[in-house]
Amino acid sequence: MSIPGQDTVEYGDILVLGPDEGKDYWQPVPANGSISVRIDPEILKIQSPFSLGTQTLPPASYVREHYHPIHDEVLHFIRGKGKARIDGVEHIVEPGVTIFVGRNRRHMFINDSDGELHWLWFIQPNGLEIFFRDIGIEKYPGQPAPEPFPRPKNVLDIEKSTSFGPPLKDPYIPTFEAKK
């Protein structure tokens, strides 16, 4: 196929992934759950490098408070209910909620519900997908979730080399009520 009058057009890549395709990883505590990296510059030629994927957070889990010095992030919540904490302000997240988090904004995600919290994430420039790969355990379709496992001992080096700022001196740590 060609574009009329433009014989020298350079075409970008096309990728269509099925539900069980992508790069999937189990995540360590406190997030637990899993990540599916769907788009990244390692698998496609992307004009402006970014990565995109999904994250599933089980009940009584959270993505620790952090920030990205040079990255902008978008999150769109698909399933479940929980909280996003951005610069100390809590926001309810549920299906249909979209959040933009600009660089250097402290943020975290908390699943304080009884069901899984699931969202789509987009970050530019890329780097988050490398972090997920390097701290996680490869996940295969149909595989049961592993027992909770710790973050790797070199997690601070991994964070520094991917998309995270230095550790926060006063991170917020959520508590979860025991279910009766």
C-alpha atoms as a PDB file:
ATOM      1  CA  MET A   1       0.000   0.000   0.000  1.00  0.00           C
ATOM      2  CA  SER A   2       1.294   3.460  -0.759  1.00  0.00           C
ATOM      3  CA  ILE A   3       0.230   7.031  -0.127  1.00  0.00           C
ATOM      4  CA  PRO A   4      -0.547   8.802  -3.436  1.00  0.00           C
ATOM      5  CA  GLY A   5       2.121  11.333  -4.390  1.00  0.00           C
ATOM      6  CA  GLN A   6       4.466  10.236  -1.610  1.00  0.00           C
ATOM      7  CA  ASP A   7       6.707   7.513  -2.991  1.00  0.00           C
ATOM      8  CA  THR A   8       9.420   8.067  -0.376  1.00  0.00           C
ATOM      9  CA  VAL A   9       7.251   7.860   2.764  1.00  0.00           C
ATOM     10  CA  GLU A  10       8.851   5.952   5.629  1.00  0.00           C
ATOM     11  CA  TYR A  11       6.311   3.718   7.341  1.00  0.00           C
ATOM     12  CA  GLY A  12       6.249   2.980  11.036  1.00  0.00           C
ATOM     13  CA  ASP A  13       5.839  -0.474  12.537  1.00  0.00           C
ATOM     14  CA  ILE A  14       2.536  -2.248  13.172  1.00  0.00           C
ATOM     15  CA  LEU A  15       1.987  -4.629  16.076  1.00  0.00           C
ATOM     16  CA  VAL A  16      -1.169  -6.455  17.119  1.00  0.00           C
ATOM     17  CA  LEU A  17      -0.935  -8.427  20.365  1.00  0.00           C
ATOM     18  CA  GLY A  18      -3.373 -11.034  21.604  1.00  0.00           C
ATOM     19  CA  PRO A  19      -4.446 -11.260  25.257  1.00  0.00           C
ATOM     20  CA  ASP A  20      -1.693 -13.739  26.172  1.00  0.00           C
ATOM     21  CA  GLU A  21       1.078 -11.976  24.259  1.00  0.00           C
ATOM     22  CA  GLY A  22       3.480  -9.324  25.501  1.00  0.00           C
ATOM     23  CA  LYS A  23       6.130  -9.499  28.209  1.00  0.00           C
ATOM     24  CA  ASP A  24       4.557 -10.512  31.499  1.00  0.00           C
ATOM     25  CA  TYR A  25       6.149 -10.438  34.959  1.00  0.00           C
ATOM     26  CA  TRP A  26       5.106 -11.273  38.501  1.00  0.00           C
ATOM     27  CA  GLN A  27       5.944  -8.381  40.827  1.00  0.00           C
ATOM     28  CA  PRO A  28       7.567  -8.481  44.285  1.00  0.00           C
ATOM     29  CA  VAL A  29       6.118  -7.103  47.519  1.00  0.00           C
ATOM     30  CA  PRO A  30       4.569  -4.710  48.323  1.00  0.00           C
ATOM     31  CA  ALA A  31       2.881  -4.600  44.887  1.00  0.00           C
ATOM     32  CA  ASN A  32       2.637  -8.355  44.305  1.00  0.00           C
ATOM     33  CA  GLY A  33       0.363  -8.960  41.324  1.00  0.00           C
ATOM     34  CA  SER A  34       1.613  -8.764  37.775  1.00  0.00           C
ATOM     35  CA  ILE A  35       2.655  -6.524  34.900  1.00  0.00           C
ATOM     36  CA  SER A  36       2.130  -6.978  31.187  1.00  0.00           C
ATOM     37  CA  VAL A  37       4.408  -4.843  29.006  1.00  0.00           C
ATOM     38  CA  ARG A  38       2.595  -4.451  25.708  1.00  0.00           C
ATOM     39  CA  ILE A  39       4.601  -1.814  23.806  1.00  0.00           C
ATOM     40  CA  ASP A  40       8.225  -0.727  24.223  1.00  0.00           C
ATOM     41  CA  PRO A  41      11.138   0.401  22.048  1.00  0.00           C
ATOM     42  CA  GLU A  42      12.830  -2.982  22.431  1.00  0.00           C
ATOM     43  CA  ILE A  43      10.197  -4.630  20.237  1.00  0.00           C
ATOM     44  CA  LEU A  44       9.177  -1.744  17.963  1.00  0.00           C
ATOM     45  CA  LYS A  45      10.758   1.198  16.224  1.00  0.00           C
ATOM     46  CA  ILE A  46       9.021   4.081  18.029  1.00  0.00           C
ATOM     47  CA  GLN A  47       9.428   7.699  16.900  1.00  0.00           C
ATOM     48  CA  SER A  48       9.301   9.096  20.486  1.00  0.00           C
ATOM     49  CA  PRO A  49      10.267   6.297  22.903  1.00  0.00           C
ATOM     50  CA  PHE A  50       7.559   5.265  25.349  1.00  0.00           C
ATOM     51  CA  SER A  51       6.256   2.114  26.945  1.00  0.00           C
ATOM     52  CA  LEU A  52       2.749   0.925  27.674  1.00  0.00           C
ATOM     53  CA  GLY A  53       1.307  -1.959  29.613  1.00  0.00           C
ATOM     54  CA  THR A  54      -1.104  -3.094  32.275  1.00  0.00           C
ATOM     55  CA  GLN A  55      -0.726  -3.743  35.978  1.00  0.00           C
ATOM     56  CA  THR A  56      -2.848  -5.891  38.269  1.00  0.00           C
ATOM     57  CA  LEU A  57      -2.670  -5.230  42.000  1.00  0.00           C
ATOM     58  CA  PRO A  58      -4.211  -7.794  44.374  1.00  0.00           C
ATOM     59  CA  PRO A  59      -6.137  -6.806  47.527  1.00  0.00           C
ATOM     60  CA  ALA A  60      -4.089  -5.368  50.439  1.00  0.00           C
ATOM     61  CA  SER A  61      -1.203  -4.447  48.107  1.00  0.00           C
ATOM     62  CA  TYR A  62       0.265  -1.184  46.897  1.00  0.00           C
ATOM     63  CA  VAL A  63       2.717   0.377  44.492  1.00  0.00           C
ATOM     64  CA  ARG A  64       5.111   2.189  46.806  1.00  0.00           C
ATOM     65  CA  GLU A  65       5.285   5.970  46.769  1.00  0.00           C
ATOM     66  CA  HIS A  66       7.796   7.203  44.175  1.00  0.00           C
ATOM     67  CA  TYR A  67       8.423   9.785  41.468  1.00  0.00           C
ATOM     68  CA  HIS A  68       9.960   9.977  38.003  1.00  0.00           C
ATOM     69  CA  PRO A  69      12.426  12.883  37.434  1.00  0.00           C
ATOM     70  CA  ILE A  70      12.092  13.013  33.630  1.00  0.00           C
ATOM     71  CA  HIS A  71       9.016  10.910  32.853  1.00  0.00           C
ATOM     72  CA  ASP A  72       5.346  11.721  32.313  1.00  0.00           C
ATOM     73  CA  GLU A  73       2.907   8.920  33.127  1.00  0.00           C
ATOM     74  CA  VAL A  74      -0.723   8.237  32.269  1.00  0.00           C
ATOM     75  CA  LEU A  75      -2.851   5.628  34.038  1.00  0.00           C
ATOM     76  CA  HIS A  76      -6.331   4.500  33.006  1.00  0.00           C
ATOM     77  CA  PHE A  77      -8.198   2.296  35.474  1.00  0.00           C
ATOM     78  CA  ILE A  78     -10.067  -0.641  33.971  1.00  0.00           C
ATOM     79  CA  ARG A  79     -11.244  -2.912  36.816  1.00  0.00           C
ATOM     80  CA  GLY A  80     -11.577  -2.757  40.586  1.00  0.00           C
ATOM     81  CA  LYS A  81     -11.496   0.077  43.062  1.00  0.00           C
ATOM     82  CA  GLY A  82      -8.710   1.641  45.112  1.00  0.00           C
ATOM     83  CA  LYS A  83      -6.824   4.863  45.718  1.00  0.00           C
ATOM     84  CA  ALA A  84      -4.207   6.923  43.951  1.00  0.00           C
ATOM     85  CA  ARG A  85      -2.167   9.113  46.280  1.00  0.00           C
ATOM     86  CA  ILE A  86      -0.575  12.029  44.394  1.00  0.00           C
ATOM     87  CA  ASP A  87       1.517  14.607  46.261  1.00  0.00           C
ATOM     88  CA  GLY A  88      -0.208  13.520  49.496  1.00  0.00           C
ATOM     89  CA  VAL A  89      -3.780  13.824  48.181  1.00  0.00           C
ATOM     90  CA  GLU A  90      -5.880  10.661  47.861  1.00  0.00           C
ATOM     91  CA  HIS A  91      -8.125  10.113  44.834  1.00  0.00           C
ATOM     92  CA  ILE A  92     -10.594   7.238  44.429  1.00  0.00           C
ATOM     93  CA  VAL A  93      -9.810   5.127  41.364  1.00  0.00           C
ATOM     94  CA  GLU A  94     -12.337   2.903  39.632  1.00  0.00           C
ATOM     95  CA  PRO A  95     -13.110   1.868  36.051  1.00  0.00           C
ATOM     96  CA  GLY A  96     -13.021   4.866  33.717  1.00  0.00           C
ATOM     97  CA  VAL A  97     -10.753   7.074  35.845  1.00  0.00           C
ATOM     98  CA  THR A  98      -7.700   8.446  33.995  1.00  0.00           C
ATOM     99  CA  ILE A  99      -4.779  10.116  35.758  1.00  0.00           C
ATOM    100  CA  PHE A 100      -1.865  12.077  34.306  1.00  0.00           C
ATOM    101  CA  VAL A 101       1.181  12.297  36.610  1.00  0.00           C
ATOM    102  CA  GLY A 102       3.847  14.727  35.425  1.00  0.00           C
ATOM    103  CA  ARG A 103       7.531  14.424  36.283  1.00  0.00           C
ATOM    104  CA  ASN A 104       8.661  14.845  39.894  1.00  0.00           C
ATOM    105  CA  ARG A 105       5.145  14.278  41.289  1.00  0.00           C
ATOM    106  CA  ARG A 106       5.064  11.811  44.187  1.00  0.00           C
ATOM    107  CA  HIS A 107       2.512   9.088  43.536  1.00  0.00           C
ATOM    108  CA  MET A 108       1.416   5.632  44.594  1.00  0.00           C
ATOM    109  CA  PHE A 109      -1.504   3.252  44.080  1.00  0.00           C
ATOM    110  CA  ILE A 110      -3.278   1.369  46.858  1.00  0.00           C
ATOM    111  CA  ASN A 111      -5.678  -1.550  46.586  1.00  0.00           C
ATOM    112  CA  ASP A 112      -7.715  -1.456  49.786  1.00  0.00           C
ATOM    113  CA  SER A 113     -10.632  -3.372  48.246  1.00  0.00           C
ATOM    114  CA  ASP A 114     -11.567  -7.064  48.225  1.00  0.00           C
ATOM    115  CA  GLY A 115     -10.901  -7.505  44.481  1.00  0.00           C
ATOM    116  CA  GLU A 116      -8.054  -6.919  42.045  1.00  0.00           C
ATOM    117  CA  LEU A 117      -7.252  -3.395  40.845  1.00  0.00           C
ATOM    118  CA  HIS A 118      -6.272  -3.328  37.163  1.00  0.00           C
ATOM    119  CA  TRP A 119      -5.062  -0.414  35.022  1.00  0.00           C
ATOM    120  CA  LEU A 120      -3.337   0.564  31.806  1.00  0.00           C
ATOM    121  CA  TRP A 121      -0.131   2.618  32.134  1.00  0.00           C
ATOM    122  CA  PHE A 122       1.780   4.725  29.599  1.00  0.00           C
ATOM    123  CA  ILE A 123       5.127   6.365  30.338  1.00  0.00           C
ATOM    124  CA  GLN A 124       7.339   8.605  28.212  1.00  0.00           C
ATOM    125  CA  PRO A 125      10.205   8.335  27.796  1.00  0.00           C
ATOM    126  CA  ASN A 126      10.319   4.607  28.318  1.00  0.00           C
ATOM    127  CA  GLY A 127      12.218   2.813  31.088  1.00  0.00           C
ATOM    128  CA  LEU A 128       9.478   1.507  33.346  1.00  0.00           C
ATOM    129  CA  GLU A 129       9.274  -1.729  31.352  1.00  0.00           C
ATOM    130  CA  ILE A 130      12.966  -2.401  32.094  1.00  0.00           C
ATOM    131  CA  PHE A 131      12.359  -1.853  35.812  1.00  0.00           C
ATOM    132  CA  PHE A 132       9.443  -4.324  35.795  1.00  0.00           C
ATOM    133  CA  ARG A 133      11.530  -6.917  33.963  1.00  0.00           C
ATOM    134  CA  ASP A 134      14.525  -6.537  36.275  1.00  0.00           C
ATOM    135  CA  ILE A 135      12.609  -6.763  39.564  1.00  0.00           C
ATOM    136  CA  GLY A 136      10.035  -9.335  38.467  1.00  0.00           C
ATOM    137  CA  ILE A 137       9.785 -13.014  37.652  1.00  0.00           C
ATOM    138  CA  GLU A 138       8.720 -13.958  34.133  1.00  0.00           C
ATOM    139  CA  LYS A 139       5.037 -14.937  33.986  1.00  0.00           C
ATOM    140  CA  TYR A 140       3.478 -17.461  31.594  1.00  0.00           C
ATOM    141  CA  PRO A 141      -0.192 -17.875  30.570  1.00  0.00           C
ATOM    142  CA  GLY A 142      -2.116 -20.025  33.038  1.00  0.00           C
ATOM    143  CA  GLN A 143       0.699 -20.029  35.592  1.00  0.00           C
ATOM    144  CA  PRO A 144      -0.469 -19.702  39.227  1.00  0.00           C
ATOM    145  CA  ALA A 145       0.765 -16.679  41.176  1.00  0.00           C
ATOM    146  CA  PRO A 146       3.949 -17.337  43.163  1.00  0.00           C
ATOM    147  CA  GLU A 147       4.172 -16.817  46.905  1.00  0.00           C
ATOM    148  CA  PRO A 148       4.988 -13.182  47.684  1.00  0.00           C
ATOM    149  CA  PHE A 149       8.685 -12.561  47.070  1.00  0.00           C
ATOM    150  CA  PRO A 150      11.046  -9.722  48.036  1.00  0.00           C
ATOM    151  CA  ARG A 151      12.381  -7.016  45.775  1.00  0.00           C
ATOM    152  CA  PRO A 152      15.926  -7.785  44.571  1.00  0.00           C
ATOM    153  CA  LYS A 153      18.806  -6.630  46.766  1.00  0.00           C
ATOM    154  CA  ASN A 154      19.992  -4.270  43.994  1.00  0.00           C
ATOM    155  CA  VAL A 155      16.558  -2.637  43.535  1.00  0.00           C
ATOM    156  CA  LEU A 156      17.958   0.860  44.182  1.00  0.00           C
ATOM    157  CA  ASP A 157      20.468   0.426  41.344  1.00  0.00           C
ATOM    158  CA  ILE A 158      17.677  -0.837  39.069  1.00  0.00           C
ATOM    159  CA  GLU A 159      15.478   2.137  39.983  1.00  0.00           C
ATOM    160  CA  LYS A 160      18.323   4.608  39.389  1.00  0.00           C
ATOM    161  CA  SER A 161      19.102   3.141  35.950  1.00  0.00           C
ATOM    162  CA  THR A 162      15.495   3.102  34.717  1.00  0.00           C
ATOM    163  CA  SER A 163      12.897   5.750  35.524  1.00  0.00           C
ATOM    164  CA  PHE A 164      12.865   6.472  39.260  1.00  0.00           C
ATOM    165  CA  GLY A 165      14.222   9.253  41.420  1.00  0.00           C
ATOM    166  CA  PRO A 166      16.206   8.521  44.602  1.00  0.00           C
ATOM    167  CA  PRO A 167      14.260   6.878  47.456  1.00  0.00           C
ATOM    168  CA  LEU A 168      11.938   9.187  49.352  1.00  0.00           C
ATOM    169  CA  LYS A 169      13.004  10.084  52.904  1.00  0.00           C
ATOM    170  CA  ASP A 170       9.406  10.038  54.146  1.00  0.00           C
ATOM    171  CA  PRO A 171       7.404   7.574  52.013  1.00  0.00           C
ATOM    172  CA  TYR A 172       3.762   6.982  52.848  1.00  0.00           C
ATOM    173  CA  ILE A 173       3.131   3.369  53.911  1.00  0.00           C
ATOM    174  CA  PRO A 174      -0.555   2.356  53.861  1.00  0.00           C
ATOM    175  CA  THR A 175      -2.107   0.055  56.438  1.00  0.00           C
ATOM    176  CA  PHE A 176      -4.848  -2.406  55.686  1.00  0.00           C
ATOM    177  CA  GLU A 177      -7.705  -3.376  57.991  1.00  0.00           C
ATOM    178  CA  ALA A 178      -8.004  -7.078  58.730  1.00  0.00           C
ATOM    179  CA  LYS A 179     -11.013  -8.560  56.903  1.00  0.00           C
ATOM    180  CA  LYS A 180     -13.548 -10.330  59.140  1.00  0.00           C
END
